[in-house]
Amino acid sequence: MKTNNNLGIWMDHATAHLIDLNSKDECRIIVSKFTTDVKEDALIKSESLMHNKRQQMQEEYYEEIGAKILKYTHVLLFGPTNAKVELHNYLNKNLHFKDVKIDIEAADKMTDNEKNAFVKSHFETI
């Protein structure tokens, strides 16, 4: 069911922008459920609860992104934080992703047009 498509994902720990230049809806967004409110709420109860909650919700966030990645053969993870590396490590533990080529690039905050251009440029050079 895999098509030979490329997917760019600009991400940080809060949001992931999925950019498929061959798709009609060029950019989809996945938002982490670990918000500042959730963090503060858990932190009031205990620091350890907050860390557990963050880890659990981060894993759900990565799982949701991973479900989208499975439809592609080549994925570019880019963004300003180490979330892209954490996602890559998470995916490497799962054999479902062994046939997906994943590239990682550092990138600052960008406009949607800059993200699209970055993804297009990355896959044109391959």
Protein backbone atom coordinates (compact mmCIF):
# COMPACT_ATOMS: atom_id res chain seq x y z
CA MET A 1 0.00 0.00 0.00
CA LYS A 2 3.09 2.20 0.16
CA THR A 3 3.51 4.68 -2.65
CA ASN A 4 6.85 6.08 -3.64
CA ASN A 5 6.15 9.43 -2.02
CA ASN A 6 8.22 11.86 -0.04
CA LEU A 7 7.07 13.54 3.15
CA GLY A 8 8.59 16.49 4.95
CA ILE A 9 7.84 17.00 8.65
CA TRP A 10 8.73 20.29 10.32
CA MET A 11 8.37 19.64 14.01
CA ASP A 12 9.05 20.68 17.54
CA HIS A 13 7.70 19.20 20.76
CA ALA A 14 4.32 20.91 20.35
CA THR A 15 3.38 20.57 16.67
CA ALA A 16 4.31 18.63 13.57
CA HIS A 17 3.58 20.07 10.12
CA LEU A 18 3.32 17.23 7.58
CA ILE A 19 4.21 18.45 4.10
CA ASP A 20 3.40 16.21 1.15
CA LEU A 21 4.09 18.23 -1.97
CA ASN A 22 2.16 15.70 -4.10
CA SER A 23 -0.99 15.99 -2.01
CA LYS A 24 -3.92 18.35 -2.46
CA ASP A 25 -3.91 19.28 1.23
CA GLU A 26 -0.26 20.30 1.25
CA CYS A 27 0.15 20.70 4.99
CA ARG A 28 -1.49 18.80 7.81
CA ILE A 29 -0.77 19.52 11.45
CA ILE A 30 -0.50 17.13 14.38
CA VAL A 31 -0.53 18.76 17.81
CA SER A 32 0.92 17.24 20.96
CA LYS A 33 -1.58 16.91 23.77
CA PHE A 34 1.17 17.79 26.30
CA THR A 35 0.34 21.49 26.59
CA THR A 36 1.56 24.04 29.10
CA ASP A 37 -1.72 23.67 31.01
CA VAL A 38 -1.31 19.89 31.25
CA LYS A 39 2.30 20.35 32.37
CA GLU A 40 1.39 22.87 35.09
CA ASP A 41 -1.53 20.76 36.24
CA ALA A 42 0.64 17.66 36.61
CA LEU A 43 3.50 19.63 38.17
CA ILE A 44 1.21 20.87 40.95
CA LYS A 45 0.64 17.24 41.94
CA SER A 46 4.26 16.09 41.59
CA GLU A 47 7.30 16.48 39.40
CA SER A 48 7.50 12.74 38.78
CA LEU A 49 3.85 12.67 37.64
CA MET A 50 4.61 15.53 35.25
CA HIS A 51 7.58 13.65 33.74
CA ASN A 52 5.53 10.46 33.36
CA LYS A 53 2.68 12.36 31.75
CA ARG A 54 5.07 14.14 29.39
CA GLN A 55 6.69 10.85 28.37
CA GLN A 56 3.33 9.15 27.82
CA MET A 57 1.88 12.05 25.80
CA GLN A 58 5.11 12.47 23.82
CA GLU A 59 4.92 8.81 22.85
CA GLU A 60 1.28 9.24 21.73
CA TYR A 61 2.38 12.28 19.67
CA TYR A 62 5.20 10.31 18.02
CA GLU A 63 2.87 7.35 17.46
CA GLU A 64 0.37 9.59 15.67
CA ILE A 65 3.12 11.02 13.44
CA GLY A 66 4.48 7.50 12.84
CA ALA A 67 1.09 6.32 11.58
CA LYS A 68 1.28 8.97 8.83
CA ILE A 69 4.93 8.19 8.01
CA LEU A 70 4.14 4.54 7.20
CA LYS A 71 2.48 5.62 3.95
CA TYR A 72 5.77 7.01 2.62
CA THR A 73 9.11 5.64 1.45
CA HIS A 74 11.25 8.70 2.20
CA VAL A 75 10.76 11.18 5.04
CA LEU A 76 12.57 14.38 5.98
CA LEU A 77 12.38 15.40 9.66
CA PHE A 78 13.38 19.01 10.26
CA GLY A 79 12.86 21.71 12.84
CA PRO A 80 14.47 23.80 15.58
CA THR A 81 14.39 21.35 18.53
CA ASN A 82 15.65 17.83 19.21
CA ALA A 83 12.09 16.48 18.79
CA LYS A 84 13.05 15.27 15.29
CA VAL A 85 15.89 13.17 16.75
CA GLU A 86 13.62 11.81 19.49
CA LEU A 87 11.04 10.84 16.87
CA HIS A 88 13.75 9.20 14.75
CA ASN A 89 14.95 7.17 17.77
CA TYR A 90 11.35 6.20 18.55
CA LEU A 91 10.80 5.01 14.96
CA ASN A 92 14.09 3.08 14.90
CA LYS A 93 12.82 0.87 17.73
CA ASN A 94 9.87 -0.23 15.57
CA LEU A 95 10.42 -2.67 12.68
CA HIS A 96 7.42 -1.23 10.80
CA PHE A 97 9.67 1.67 9.79
CA LYS A 98 12.69 -0.34 8.57
CA ASP A 99 11.84 0.32 4.89
CA VAL A 100 11.27 4.05 5.35
CA LYS A 101 14.33 6.19 4.58
CA ILE A 102 14.49 9.00 7.15
CA ASP A 103 16.66 12.12 6.84
CA ILE A 104 17.14 14.65 9.64
CA GLU A 105 17.97 18.33 9.10
CA ALA A 106 18.25 21.23 11.52
CA ALA A 107 16.01 24.18 10.66
CA ASP A 108 14.81 27.31 12.41
CA LYS A 109 11.26 28.55 12.68
CA MET A 110 9.87 28.99 9.18
CA THR A 111 6.81 30.24 7.37
CA ASP A 112 4.67 27.66 5.54
CA ASN A 113 6.15 28.77 2.20
CA GLU A 114 9.70 28.37 3.56
CA LYS A 115 8.84 24.87 4.86
CA ASN A 116 7.43 23.85 1.47
CA ALA A 117 10.51 25.24 -0.33
CA PHE A 118 12.83 23.45 2.13
CA VAL A 119 11.10 20.11 1.55
CA LYS A 120 11.00 20.58 -2.23
CA SER A 121 14.70 21.53 -2.32
CA HIS A 122 15.69 18.57 -0.13
CA PHE A 123 13.99 15.97 -2.30
CA GLU A 124 15.12 17.57 -5.59
CA THR A 125 18.78 17.10 -4.60
CA ILE A 126 18.31 13.36 -4.02
